[in-house]
Amino acid sequence: MANSKSAIKRARQSSVKEQRNTAQVSKMRSLIKDFRNAVETGEGDVNELFAKASKQIDRTAGKGLIHANKAARNKSTLANLMNK
């Protein structure tokens, strides 16, 4: 456990950042799942769901939570699903 005041603060900040980052990645995955379900079932506005998912993918890549190539690969896969 951290002993100094600054180390305690740093541990607290790291915990908060970890929770925030985990929430961003989780939201991205949820939006991707929602889009895939809409494409499979044919229910919902596919264009709107694609826009939301791609925006969240860009946001997580911009924060460095996922690699830029993974973001591009995910967006490309979703675009191919939408165009079928």
PDB file of N, CA and C in Angstrom:
ATOM      1  N   MET A   1       0.844  -1.182   0.000  1.00  0.00           N
ATOM      2  CA  MET A   1       0.000   0.000   0.000  1.00  0.00           C
ATOM      3  C   MET A   1       0.882   1.235   0.000  1.00  0.00           C
ATOM      4  N   ALA A   2       0.352   2.310  -0.567  1.00  0.00           N
ATOM      5  CA  ALA A   2       1.095   3.563  -0.651  1.00  0.00           C
ATOM      6  C   ALA A   2       1.265   4.172   0.743  1.00  0.00           C
ATOM      7  N   ASN A   3       2.450   4.712   0.971  1.00  0.00           N
ATOM      8  CA  ASN A   3       2.746   5.285   2.278  1.00  0.00           C
ATOM      9  C   ASN A   3       2.698   6.796   2.290  1.00  0.00           C
ATOM     10  N   SER A   4       3.215   7.418   1.246  1.00  0.00           N
ATOM     11  CA  SER A   4       3.266   8.880   1.243  1.00  0.00           C
ATOM     12  C   SER A   4       1.943   9.455   0.745  1.00  0.00           C
ATOM     13  N   LYS A   5       1.750  10.731   1.029  1.00  0.00           N
ATOM     14  CA  LYS A   5       0.522  11.418   0.655  1.00  0.00           C
ATOM     15  C   LYS A   5       0.355  11.445  -0.866  1.00  0.00           C
ATOM     16  N   SER A   6       1.455  11.717  -1.560  1.00  0.00           N
ATOM     17  CA  SER A   6       1.389  11.805  -3.021  1.00  0.00           C
ATOM     18  C   SER A   6       1.111  10.441  -3.650  1.00  0.00           C
ATOM     19  N   ALA A   7       1.669   9.384  -3.055  1.00  0.00           N
ATOM     20  CA  ALA A   7       1.426   8.042  -3.591  1.00  0.00           C
ATOM     21  C   ALA A   7      -0.023   7.618  -3.376  1.00  0.00           C
ATOM     22  N   ILE A   8      -0.597   8.027  -2.261  1.00  0.00           N
ATOM     23  CA  ILE A   8      -2.011   7.726  -1.989  1.00  0.00           C
ATOM     24  C   ILE A   8      -2.888   8.433  -3.015  1.00  0.00           C
ATOM     25  N   LYS A   9      -2.567   9.700  -3.289  1.00  0.00           N
ATOM     26  CA  LYS A   9      -3.338  10.461  -4.272  1.00  0.00           C
ATOM     27  C   LYS A   9      -3.194   9.852  -5.665  1.00  0.00           C
ATOM     28  N   ARG A  10      -1.976   9.461  -6.016  1.00  0.00           N
ATOM     29  CA  ARG A  10      -1.735   8.859  -7.327  1.00  0.00           C
ATOM     30  C   ARG A  10      -2.521   7.553  -7.473  1.00  0.00           C
ATOM     31  N   ALA A  11      -2.579   6.746  -6.436  1.00  0.00           N
ATOM     32  CA  ALA A  11      -3.347   5.496  -6.482  1.00  0.00           C
ATOM     33  C   ALA A  11      -4.829   5.783  -6.670  1.00  0.00           C
ATOM     34  N   ARG A  12      -5.322   6.809  -5.997  1.00  0.00           N
ATOM     35  CA  ARG A  12      -6.724   7.185  -6.119  1.00  0.00           C
ATOM     36  C   ARG A  12      -7.027   7.669  -7.541  1.00  0.00           C
ATOM     37  N   GLN A  13      -6.140   8.492  -8.091  1.00  0.00           N
ATOM     38  CA  GLN A  13      -6.343   9.000  -9.445  1.00  0.00           C
ATOM     39  C   GLN A  13      -6.300   7.872 -10.475  1.00  0.00           C
ATOM     40  N   SER A  14      -5.381   6.937 -10.270  1.00  0.00           N
ATOM     41  CA  SER A  14      -5.272   5.813 -11.195  1.00  0.00           C
ATOM     42  C   SER A  14      -6.544   4.979 -11.194  1.00  0.00           C
ATOM     43  N   SER A  15      -7.115   4.790 -10.029  1.00  0.00           N
ATOM     44  CA  SER A  15      -8.342   4.014  -9.914  1.00  0.00           C
ATOM     45  C   SER A  15      -9.493   4.694 -10.647  1.00  0.00           C
ATOM     46  N   VAL A  16      -9.596   5.996 -10.501  1.00  0.00           N
ATOM     47  CA  VAL A  16     -10.666   6.741 -11.169  1.00  0.00           C
ATOM     48  C   VAL A  16     -10.490   6.680 -12.682  1.00  0.00           C
ATOM     49  N   LYS A  17      -9.255   6.859 -13.154  1.00  0.00           N
ATOM     50  CA  LYS A  17      -8.991   6.805 -14.591  1.00  0.00           C
ATOM     51  C   LYS A  17      -9.286   5.423 -15.151  1.00  0.00           C
ATOM     52  N   GLU A  18      -8.928   4.389 -14.403  1.00  0.00           N
ATOM     53  CA  GLU A  18      -9.180   3.023 -14.851  1.00  0.00           C
ATOM     54  C   GLU A  18     -10.675   2.782 -15.018  1.00  0.00           C
ATOM     55  N   GLN A  19     -11.470   3.242 -14.075  1.00  0.00           N
ATOM     56  CA  GLN A  19     -12.926   3.075 -14.167  1.00  0.00           C
ATOM     57  C   GLN A  19     -13.491   3.833 -15.364  1.00  0.00           C
ATOM     58  N   ARG A  20     -12.992   5.032 -15.587  1.00  0.00           N
ATOM     59  CA  ARG A  20     -13.476   5.848 -16.704  1.00  0.00           C
ATOM     60  C   ARG A  20     -13.121   5.193 -18.038  1.00  0.00           C
ATOM     61  N   ASN A  21     -11.888   4.693 -18.151  1.00  0.00           N
ATOM     62  CA  ASN A  21     -11.452   4.055 -19.385  1.00  0.00           C
ATOM     63  C   ASN A  21     -12.218   2.763 -19.648  1.00  0.00           C
ATOM     64  N   THR A  22     -12.444   1.990 -18.602  1.00  0.00           N
ATOM     65  CA  THR A  22     -13.198   0.749 -18.744  1.00  0.00           C
ATOM     66  C   THR A  22     -14.615   1.040 -19.216  1.00  0.00           C
ATOM     67  N   ALA A  23     -15.205   2.102 -18.703  1.00  0.00           N
ATOM     68  CA  ALA A  23     -16.563   2.471 -19.110  1.00  0.00           C
ATOM     69  C   ALA A  23     -16.595   2.857 -20.584  1.00  0.00           C
ATOM     70  N   GLN A  24     -15.578   3.573 -21.071  1.00  0.00           N
ATOM     71  CA  GLN A  24     -15.539   3.977 -22.473  1.00  0.00           C
ATOM     72  C   GLN A  24     -15.452   2.763 -23.396  1.00  0.00           C
ATOM     73  N   VAL A  25     -14.584   1.822 -23.063  1.00  0.00           N
ATOM     74  CA  VAL A  25     -14.423   0.622 -23.889  1.00  0.00           C
ATOM     75  C   VAL A  25     -15.695  -0.229 -23.838  1.00  0.00           C
ATOM     76  N   SER A  26     -16.307  -0.323 -22.666  1.00  0.00           N
ATOM     77  CA  SER A  26     -17.536  -1.092 -22.522  1.00  0.00           C
ATOM     78  C   SER A  26     -18.664  -0.483 -23.349  1.00  0.00           C
ATOM     79  N   LYS A  27     -18.744   0.832 -23.349  1.00  0.00           N
ATOM     80  CA  LYS A  27     -19.770   1.515 -24.139  1.00  0.00           C
ATOM     81  C   LYS A  27     -19.560   1.254 -25.622  1.00  0.00           C
ATOM     82  N   MET A  28     -18.302   1.261 -26.047  1.00  0.00           N
ATOM     83  CA  MET A  28     -17.990   0.984 -27.450  1.00  0.00           C
ATOM     84  C   MET A  28     -18.455  -0.424 -27.825  1.00  0.00           C
ATOM     85  N   ARG A  29     -18.140  -1.395 -26.994  1.00  0.00           N
ATOM     86  CA  ARG A  29     -18.525  -2.775 -27.278  1.00  0.00           C
ATOM     87  C   ARG A  29     -20.040  -2.931 -27.309  1.00  0.00           C
ATOM     88  N   SER A  30     -20.728  -2.249 -26.410  1.00  0.00           N
ATOM     89  CA  SER A  30     -22.192  -2.331 -26.373  1.00  0.00           C
ATOM     90  C   SER A  30     -22.806  -1.754 -27.637  1.00  0.00           C
ATOM     91  N   LEU A  31     -22.270  -0.620 -28.106  1.00  0.00           N
ATOM     92  CA  LEU A  31     -22.800  -0.013 -29.322  1.00  0.00           C
ATOM     93  C   LEU A  31     -22.541  -0.894 -30.538  1.00  0.00           C
ATOM     94  N   ILE A  32     -21.394  -1.562 -30.562  1.00  0.00           N
ATOM     95  CA  ILE A  32     -21.095  -2.478 -31.666  1.00  0.00           C
ATOM     96  C   ILE A  32     -22.082  -3.648 -31.647  1.00  0.00           C
ATOM     97  N   LYS A  33     -22.360  -4.187 -30.453  1.00  0.00           N
ATOM     98  CA  LYS A  33     -23.322  -5.284 -30.340  1.00  0.00           C
ATOM     99  C   LYS A  33     -24.710  -4.837 -30.768  1.00  0.00           C
ATOM    100  N   ASP A  34     -25.119  -3.628 -30.365  1.00  0.00           N
ATOM    101  CA  ASP A  34     -26.429  -3.117 -30.757  1.00  0.00           C
ATOM    102  C   ASP A  34     -26.535  -3.014 -32.275  1.00  0.00           C
ATOM    103  N   PHE A  35     -25.468  -2.521 -32.913  1.00  0.00           N
ATOM    104  CA  PHE A  35     -25.472  -2.399 -34.372  1.00  0.00           C
ATOM    105  C   PHE A  35     -25.580  -3.774 -35.031  1.00  0.00           C
ATOM    106  N   ARG A  36     -24.781  -4.727 -34.548  1.00  0.00           N
ATOM    107  CA  ARG A  36     -24.803  -6.069 -35.136  1.00  0.00           C
ATOM    108  C   ARG A  36     -26.188  -6.717 -34.987  1.00  0.00           C
ATOM    109  N   ASN A  37     -26.802  -6.542 -33.818  1.00  0.00           N
ATOM    110  CA  ASN A  37     -28.147  -7.094 -33.601  1.00  0.00           C
ATOM    111  C   ASN A  37     -29.166  -6.451 -34.526  1.00  0.00           C
ATOM    112  N   ALA A  38     -29.038  -5.148 -34.747  1.00  0.00           N
ATOM    113  CA  ALA A  38     -29.966  -4.458 -35.636  1.00  0.00           C
ATOM    114  C   ALA A  38     -29.809  -4.944 -37.069  1.00  0.00           C
ATOM    115  N   VAL A  39     -28.582  -5.207 -37.486  1.00  0.00           N
ATOM    116  CA  VAL A  39     -28.354  -5.700 -38.847  1.00  0.00           C
ATOM    117  C   VAL A  39     -28.929  -7.113 -39.000  1.00  0.00           C
ATOM    118  N   GLU A  40     -28.725  -7.957 -37.992  1.00  0.00           N
ATOM    119  CA  GLU A  40     -29.197  -9.340 -38.075  1.00  0.00           C
ATOM    120  C   GLU A  40     -30.718  -9.434 -38.053  1.00  0.00           C
ATOM    121  N   THR A  41     -31.335  -8.660 -37.162  1.00  0.00           N
ATOM    122  CA  THR A  41     -32.791  -8.749 -37.024  1.00  0.00           C
ATOM    123  C   THR A  41     -33.538  -7.841 -37.984  1.00  0.00           C
ATOM    124  N   GLY A  42     -32.873  -6.821 -38.500  1.00  0.00           N
ATOM    125  CA  GLY A  42     -33.526  -5.881 -39.401  1.00  0.00           C
ATOM    126  C   GLY A  42     -34.368  -4.853 -38.673  1.00  0.00           C
ATOM    127  N   GLU A  43     -34.234  -4.793 -37.365  1.00  0.00           N
ATOM    128  CA  GLU A  43     -34.997  -3.829 -36.573  1.00  0.00           C
ATOM    129  C   GLU A  43     -34.097  -2.677 -36.167  1.00  0.00           C
ATOM    130  N   GLY A  44     -34.653  -1.478 -36.151  1.00  0.00           N
ATOM    131  CA  GLY A  44     -33.908  -0.304 -35.727  1.00  0.00           C
ATOM    132  C   GLY A  44     -33.285   0.412 -36.910  1.00  0.00           C
ATOM    133  N   ASP A  45     -32.839   1.638 -36.657  1.00  0.00           N
ATOM    134  CA  ASP A  45     -32.220   2.456 -37.687  1.00  0.00           C
ATOM    135  C   ASP A  45     -30.733   2.097 -37.770  1.00  0.00           C
ATOM    136  N   VAL A  46     -30.376   1.351 -38.798  1.00  0.00           N
ATOM    137  CA  VAL A  46     -29.010   0.848 -38.943  1.00  0.00           C
ATOM    138  C   VAL A  46     -28.029   2.002 -39.153  1.00  0.00           C
ATOM    139  N   ASN A  47     -28.428   2.996 -39.943  1.00  0.00           N
ATOM    140  CA  ASN A  47     -27.524   4.126 -40.211  1.00  0.00           C
ATOM    141  C   ASN A  47     -27.201   4.897 -38.940  1.00  0.00           C
ATOM    142  N   GLU A  48     -28.200   5.122 -38.119  1.00  0.00           N
ATOM    143  CA  GLU A  48     -27.986   5.856 -36.871  1.00  0.00           C
ATOM    144  C   GLU A  48     -27.102   5.058 -35.913  1.00  0.00           C
ATOM    145  N   LEU A  49     -27.359   3.758 -35.808  1.00  0.00           N
ATOM    146  CA  LEU A  49     -26.546   2.914 -34.941  1.00  0.00           C
ATOM    147  C   LEU A  49     -25.106   2.822 -35.431  1.00  0.00           C
ATOM    148  N   PHE A  50     -24.921   2.800 -36.746  1.00  0.00           N
ATOM    149  CA  PHE A  50     -23.566   2.788 -37.292  1.00  0.00           C
ATOM    150  C   PHE A  50     -22.840   4.082 -36.950  1.00  0.00           C
ATOM    151  N   ALA A  51     -23.534   5.201 -37.062  1.00  0.00           N
ATOM    152  CA  ALA A  51     -22.914   6.495 -36.746  1.00  0.00           C
ATOM    153  C   ALA A  51     -22.501   6.559 -35.278  1.00  0.00           C
ATOM    154  N   LYS A  52     -23.378   6.087 -34.394  1.00  0.00           N
ATOM    155  CA  LYS A  52     -23.060   6.094 -32.963  1.00  0.00           C
ATOM    156  C   LYS A  52     -21.868   5.198 -32.656  1.00  0.00           C
ATOM    157  N   ALA A  53     -21.868   4.002 -33.242  1.00  0.00           N
ATOM    158  CA  ALA A  53     -20.786   3.052 -32.979  1.00  0.00           C
ATOM    159  C   ALA A  53     -19.456   3.583 -33.505  1.00  0.00           C
ATOM    160  N   SER A  54     -19.458   4.118 -34.715  1.00  0.00           N
ATOM    161  CA  SER A  54     -18.199   4.606 -35.280  1.00  0.00           C
ATOM    162  C   SER A  54     -17.690   5.825 -34.523  1.00  0.00           C
ATOM    163  N   LYS A  55     -18.586   6.655 -34.034  1.00  0.00           N
ATOM    164  CA  LYS A  55     -18.169   7.805 -33.239  1.00  0.00           C
ATOM    165  C   LYS A  55     -17.508   7.354 -31.936  1.00  0.00           C
ATOM    166  N   GLN A  56     -18.104   6.361 -31.293  1.00  0.00           N
ATOM    167  CA  GLN A  56     -17.534   5.850 -30.044  1.00  0.00           C
ATOM    168  C   GLN A  56     -16.199   5.139 -30.300  1.00  0.00           C
ATOM    169  N   ILE A  57     -16.090   4.442 -31.418  1.00  0.00           N
ATOM    170  CA  ILE A  57     -14.825   3.793 -31.765  1.00  0.00           C
ATOM    171  C   ILE A  57     -13.738   4.849 -31.948  1.00  0.00           C
ATOM    172  N   ASP A  58     -14.054   5.922 -32.655  1.00  0.00           N
ATOM    173  CA  ASP A  58     -13.085   7.004 -32.842  1.00  0.00           C
ATOM    174  C   ASP A  58     -12.705   7.640 -31.508  1.00  0.00           C
ATOM    175  N   ARG A  59     -13.671   7.786 -30.640  1.00  0.00           N
ATOM    176  CA  ARG A  59     -13.411   8.407 -29.337  1.00  0.00           C
ATOM    177  C   ARG A  59     -12.460   7.552 -28.501  1.00  0.00           C
ATOM    178  N   THR A  60     -12.692   6.242 -28.471  1.00  0.00           N
ATOM    179  CA  THR A  60     -11.820   5.378 -27.679  1.00  0.00           C
ATOM    180  C   THR A  60     -10.424   5.293 -28.292  1.00  0.00           C
ATOM    181  N   ALA A  61     -10.334   5.315 -29.610  1.00  0.00           N
ATOM    182  CA  ALA A  61      -9.015   5.297 -30.255  1.00  0.00           C
ATOM    183  C   ALA A  61      -8.286   6.615 -30.007  1.00  0.00           C
ATOM    184  N   GLY A  62      -9.026   7.704 -30.008  1.00  0.00           N
ATOM    185  CA  GLY A  62      -8.417   9.013 -29.760  1.00  0.00           C
ATOM    186  C   GLY A  62      -7.849   9.143 -28.366  1.00  0.00           C
ATOM    187  N   LYS A  63      -8.456   8.459 -27.425  1.00  0.00           N
ATOM    188  CA  LYS A  63      -7.963   8.491 -26.044  1.00  0.00           C
ATOM    189  C   LYS A  63      -6.851   7.474 -25.820  1.00  0.00           C
ATOM    190  N   GLY A  64      -6.555   6.659 -26.835  1.00  0.00           N
ATOM    191  CA  GLY A  64      -5.493   5.678 -26.715  1.00  0.00           C
ATOM    192  C   GLY A  64      -5.914   4.408 -26.003  1.00  0.00           C
ATOM    193  N   LEU A  65      -7.210   4.181 -25.878  1.00  0.00           N
ATOM    194  CA  LEU A  65      -7.691   2.989 -25.187  1.00  0.00           C
ATOM    195  C   LEU A  65      -7.657   1.762 -26.087  1.00  0.00           C
ATOM    196  N   ILE A  66      -7.781   1.971 -27.398  1.00  0.00           N
ATOM    197  CA  ILE A  66      -7.583   0.905 -28.368  1.00  0.00           C
ATOM    198  C   ILE A  66      -6.631   1.441 -29.431  1.00  0.00           C
ATOM    199  N   HIS A  67      -5.990   0.548 -30.146  1.00  0.00           N
ATOM    200  CA  HIS A  67      -5.040   0.946 -31.173  1.00  0.00           C
ATOM    201  C   HIS A  67      -5.785   1.507 -32.379  1.00  0.00           C
ATOM    202  N   ALA A  68      -5.140   2.407 -33.101  1.00  0.00           N
ATOM    203  CA  ALA A  68      -5.767   3.034 -34.266  1.00  0.00           C
ATOM    204  C   ALA A  68      -6.121   2.010 -35.334  1.00  0.00           C
ATOM    205  N   ASN A  69      -5.275   0.999 -35.495  1.00  0.00           N
ATOM    206  CA  ASN A  69      -5.570  -0.032 -36.495  1.00  0.00           C
ATOM    207  C   ASN A  69      -6.785  -0.863 -36.105  1.00  0.00           C
ATOM    208  N   LYS A  70      -6.951  -1.117 -34.820  1.00  0.00           N
ATOM    209  CA  LYS A  70      -8.133  -1.855 -34.367  1.00  0.00           C
ATOM    210  C   LYS A  70      -9.387  -1.029 -34.621  1.00  0.00           C
ATOM    211  N   ALA A  71      -9.296   0.265 -34.401  1.00  0.00           N
ATOM    212  CA  ALA A  71     -10.444   1.135 -34.656  1.00  0.00           C
ATOM    213  C   ALA A  71     -10.814   1.101 -36.130  1.00  0.00           C
ATOM    214  N   ALA A  72      -9.830   1.199 -36.995  1.00  0.00           N
ATOM    215  CA  ALA A  72     -10.083   1.177 -38.432  1.00  0.00           C
ATOM    216  C   ALA A  72     -10.676  -0.169 -38.851  1.00  0.00           C
ATOM    217  N   ARG A  73     -10.147  -1.249 -38.277  1.00  0.00           N
ATOM    218  CA  ARG A  73     -10.636  -2.588 -38.606  1.00  0.00           C
ATOM    219  C   ARG A  73     -12.091  -2.761 -38.163  1.00  0.00           C
ATOM    220  N   ASN A  74     -12.420  -2.280 -36.946  1.00  0.00           N
ATOM    221  CA  ASN A  74     -13.798  -2.382 -36.460  1.00  0.00           C
ATOM    222  C   ASN A  74     -14.757  -1.582 -37.329  1.00  0.00           C
ATOM    223  N   LYS A  75     -14.376  -0.368 -37.678  1.00  0.00           N
ATOM    224  CA  LYS A  75     -15.247   0.472 -38.497  1.00  0.00           C
ATOM    225  C   LYS A  75     -15.444  -0.122 -39.887  1.00  0.00           C
ATOM    226  N   SER A  76     -14.383  -0.690 -40.435  1.00  0.00           N
ATOM    227  CA  SER A  76     -14.481  -1.314 -41.753  1.00  0.00           C
ATOM    228  C   SER A  76     -15.413  -2.511 -41.720  1.00  0.00           C
ATOM    229  N   THR A  77     -15.295  -3.322 -40.686  1.00  0.00           N
ATOM    230  CA  THR A  77     -16.172  -4.492 -40.539  1.00  0.00           C
ATOM    231  C   THR A  77     -17.626  -4.075 -40.416  1.00  0.00           C
ATOM    232  N   LEU A  78     -17.884  -3.043 -39.611  1.00  0.00           N
ATOM    233  CA  LEU A  78     -19.259  -2.573 -39.449  1.00  0.00           C
ATOM    234  C   LEU A  78     -19.811  -2.005 -40.757  1.00  0.00           C
ATOM    235  N   ALA A  79     -18.967  -1.279 -41.488  1.00  0.00           N
ATOM    236  CA  ALA A  79     -19.404  -0.712 -42.773  1.00  0.00           C
ATOM    237  C   ALA A  79     -19.742  -1.810 -43.770  1.00  0.00           C
ATOM    238  N   ASN A  80     -18.934  -2.869 -43.772  1.00  0.00           N
ATOM    239  CA  ASN A  80     -19.223  -3.998 -44.681  1.00  0.00           C
ATOM    240  C   ASN A  80     -20.532  -4.673 -44.301  1.00  0.00           C
ATOM    241  N   LEU A  81     -20.796  -4.817 -43.003  1.00  0.00           N
ATOM    242  CA  LEU A  81     -22.063  -5.404 -42.579  1.00  0.00           C
ATOM    243  C   LEU A  81     -23.246  -4.543 -43.000  1.00  0.00           C
ATOM    244  N   MET A  82     -23.072  -3.227 -42.881  1.00  0.00           N
ATOM    245  CA  MET A  82     -24.160  -2.316 -43.214  1.00  0.00           C
ATOM    246  C   MET A  82     -24.451  -2.342 -44.716  1.00  0.00           C
ATOM    247  N   ASN A  83     -23.424  -2.491 -45.541  1.00  0.00           N
ATOM    248  CA  ASN A  83     -23.599  -2.431 -46.992  1.00  0.00           C
ATOM    249  C   ASN A  83     -24.112  -3.727 -47.593  1.00  0.00           C
ATOM    250  N   LYS A  84     -24.127  -4.810 -46.830  1.00  0.00           N
ATOM    251  CA  LYS A  84     -24.624  -6.085 -47.369  1.00  0.00           C
ATOM    252  C   LYS A  84     -26.132  -6.084 -47.470  1.00  0.00           C
TER     253      LYS A  84
END
